[in-house]
Every structure is written in structure tokens, then in C-alpha cells.
Amino acid sequence: MASLPPNDYQTDQLAVKDTIAYDEVGIAPRRGKRRVTPEVRAQIAERRRAGAQVKQLAASFGLNRSTINDILRAEGVPPYKPVVGPEHRDQIIQLYADGLSIAQVACRYGVSDDVMYLAFKRLAIPTRPRRGGKRAAA
């Protein structure tokens, strides 16, 4: 079944959308896809190095997060900088040995419990057995 040609309103809207995307953001339309110019790629990389989140970059440039990540990878920008790295290992072990929980250590570093738990795994820090948790049904 042949598709109907777009009406005047649809054509005008597409032209406006493409013009806005190219003029305001620097992204040129290309056969249904938009090509990101080298200047915009440099802006994305610069803003990421300055600390902008991928989600924020995607929203401000009107691109998908995976596209932003592809651009960052191509520009040589690391995907993230771990908040808790190997240089913190000894201090984390000491805090944990002093009796602080993973959640309390996470609070000291300003990260979530999940991030700290993953750091424990990544840094091969042994953990104590869990206490509490869900109770068995009686």
C-alpha cells in the first residue's frame, strides 16, 4: 500500500523542526537522521569533562543518551570518573573495620549505598555477613 504524501502542515512542521535543530543546536538533518557537527561534538565533550551528566547533555542537545555516549567515546572522554577509586581503598577498609556499615561509609563519601557496595566489589574489599534482612514467614 502506497503511503500518502505529507500535507502542507506536516511539511511545514518538518521544515521548522529541521531548521531549529540545525540553527540552535548545530545538528544537520540527514535522511531522517541528524548528523552532529564537529563543533557540537567538541561542545559535548567539553561539557562532559566539566562535569555535566550524560542525561543533561542528551536533553540539552536533543539527542539520545546512547548517541551522546558514542560521541564521548569517539572524542576520547571517559564514560565516568569513579567517586570511590583505588586511592580510597585503605581508608575504606579502615572505616569498615572500625565498625561502620557500608551505608555509613557511603554517607562519608557522599555516594549511595549501591555505589559503595559496587566499590567494595570492584576493589575486592571483603564484607561482613549480613545481619537482619527479611524475616521468614512464621
Protein backbone atom coordinates (compact mmCIF):
# COMPACT_ATOMS: atom_id res chain seq x y z
CA MET A 1 0.00 0.00 0.00
CA ALA A 2 1.48 3.33 -1.04
CA SER A 3 1.83 5.98 1.62
CA LEU A 4 0.13 9.31 1.19
CA PRO A 5 2.27 12.39 0.59
CA PRO A 6 2.57 14.69 3.61
CA ASN A 7 0.14 17.57 3.72
CA ASP A 8 1.28 21.19 3.86
CA TYR A 9 1.07 21.38 7.65
CA GLN A 10 3.26 18.30 8.12
CA THR A 11 5.79 19.59 5.58
CA ASP A 12 5.95 22.97 7.33
CA GLN A 13 6.40 21.33 10.73
CA LEU A 14 9.24 19.12 9.46
CA ALA A 15 10.97 22.11 7.87
CA VAL A 16 10.67 24.13 11.08
CA LYS A 17 11.89 21.21 13.21
CA ASP A 18 14.93 20.65 10.96
CA THR A 19 15.73 24.37 10.88
CA ILE A 20 15.51 24.68 14.66
CA ALA A 21 17.62 21.60 15.21
CA TYR A 22 20.35 22.84 12.89
CA ASP A 23 20.28 26.54 13.77
CA GLU A 24 20.04 26.32 17.55
CA VAL A 25 21.99 23.17 18.28
CA GLY A 26 24.26 22.69 15.27
CA ILE A 27 22.83 19.37 14.18
CA ALA A 28 22.19 19.00 10.46
CA PRO A 29 19.29 16.87 9.19
CA ARG A 30 20.28 13.91 7.05
CA ARG A 31 17.78 11.42 5.57
CA GLY A 32 15.71 11.05 8.70
CA LYS A 33 18.78 11.13 10.93
CA ARG A 34 20.58 14.18 12.21
CA ARG A 35 24.32 14.48 11.77
CA VAL A 36 26.17 16.07 14.68
CA THR A 37 28.69 18.68 13.56
CA PRO A 38 32.30 18.60 14.83
CA GLU A 39 31.69 21.83 16.76
CA VAL A 40 28.78 20.26 18.65
CA ARG A 41 30.84 17.12 19.30
CA ALA A 42 33.54 19.32 20.84
CA GLN A 43 30.93 21.15 22.96
CA ILE A 44 29.50 17.85 24.21
CA ALA A 45 32.97 16.57 25.15
CA GLU A 46 33.90 19.85 26.84
CA ARG A 47 30.70 19.97 28.89
CA ARG A 48 31.12 16.32 29.93
CA ARG A 49 34.71 16.98 31.05
CA ALA A 50 33.35 19.92 33.06
CA GLY A 51 31.04 17.53 34.91
CA ALA A 52 27.73 17.56 33.02
CA GLN A 53 25.76 14.34 33.17
CA VAL A 54 25.01 12.38 30.02
CA LYS A 55 21.28 12.71 30.67
CA GLN A 56 21.60 16.52 30.84
CA LEU A 57 23.66 16.61 27.64
CA ALA A 58 21.12 14.45 25.84
CA ALA A 59 18.27 16.73 26.87
CA SER A 60 20.05 19.98 26.00
CA PHE A 61 21.24 18.79 22.58
CA GLY A 62 18.09 16.84 21.74
CA LEU A 63 19.95 13.57 21.23
CA ASN A 64 19.63 10.08 22.67
CA ARG A 65 21.88 9.15 25.59
CA SER A 66 23.43 6.35 23.55
CA THR A 67 24.34 8.88 20.85
CA ILE A 68 25.95 11.11 23.48
CA ASN A 69 27.91 8.12 24.82
CA ASP A 70 29.03 7.22 21.28
CA ILE A 71 30.24 10.79 20.75
CA LEU A 72 32.07 10.83 24.08
CA ARG A 73 33.74 7.51 23.29
CA ALA A 74 34.83 8.82 19.87
CA GLU A 75 36.15 12.03 21.45
CA GLY A 76 38.17 10.04 24.00
CA VAL A 77 36.20 11.17 27.05
CA PRO A 78 35.98 8.51 29.76
CA PRO A 79 32.40 7.43 30.49
CA TYR A 80 32.63 8.38 34.16
CA LYS A 81 35.11 9.07 36.90
CA PRO A 82 34.64 6.73 39.83
CA VAL A 83 33.93 8.66 43.03
CA VAL A 84 35.46 5.86 45.06
CA GLY A 85 38.65 4.68 43.46
CA PRO A 86 41.68 2.56 44.39
CA GLU A 87 43.28 5.54 46.15
CA HIS A 88 40.48 5.34 48.77
CA ARG A 89 40.80 1.59 49.38
CA ASP A 90 42.88 1.73 52.58
CA GLN A 91 40.70 4.39 54.18
CA ILE A 92 37.51 2.50 53.29
CA ILE A 93 38.90 -0.71 54.77
CA GLN A 94 39.83 1.15 57.96
CA LEU A 95 36.38 2.75 58.32
CA TYR A 96 34.68 -0.60 57.69
CA ALA A 97 37.00 -2.36 60.17
CA ASP A 98 36.16 0.29 62.78
CA GLY A 99 32.57 -0.97 62.65
CA LEU A 100 30.90 1.38 60.16
CA SER A 101 28.39 -0.20 57.81
CA ILE A 102 28.65 0.08 54.04
CA ALA A 103 25.82 2.63 54.20
CA GLN A 104 27.71 4.72 56.77
CA VAL A 105 30.92 4.59 54.72
CA ALA A 106 28.88 5.62 51.66
CA CYS A 107 27.49 8.58 53.61
CA ARG A 108 31.04 9.70 54.45
CA TYR A 109 31.92 9.74 50.75
CA GLY A 110 28.65 11.32 49.66
CA VAL A 111 27.54 8.41 47.47
CA SER A 112 24.63 5.98 47.58
CA ASP A 113 24.79 2.62 49.33
CA ASP A 114 24.66 0.86 45.96
CA VAL A 115 27.63 2.81 44.61
CA MET A 116 29.67 1.99 47.71
CA TYR A 117 28.68 -1.68 47.59
CA LEU A 118 29.85 -1.83 43.96
CA ALA A 119 33.10 -0.10 45.00
CA PHE A 120 33.60 -2.81 47.66
CA LYS A 121 33.17 -5.46 44.96
CA ARG A 122 35.39 -3.65 42.43
CA LEU A 123 38.15 -3.04 45.00
CA ALA A 124 37.88 -6.63 46.35
CA ILE A 125 37.17 -5.49 49.91
CA PRO A 126 35.78 -8.37 51.98
CA THR A 127 32.42 -7.72 53.64
CA ARG A 128 30.92 -8.92 56.90
CA PRO A 129 27.97 -11.32 56.82
CA ARG A 130 24.62 -9.57 56.61
CA ARG A 131 22.50 -9.20 59.72
CA GLY A 132 18.75 -8.79 59.77
CA GLY A 133 17.03 -8.69 56.41
CA LYS A 134 13.60 -10.11 55.67
CA ARG A 135 12.20 -12.39 58.30
CA ALA A 136 10.99 -15.85 57.39
CA ALA A 137 7.21 -16.24 57.39
CA ALA A 138 6.03 -17.94 60.55
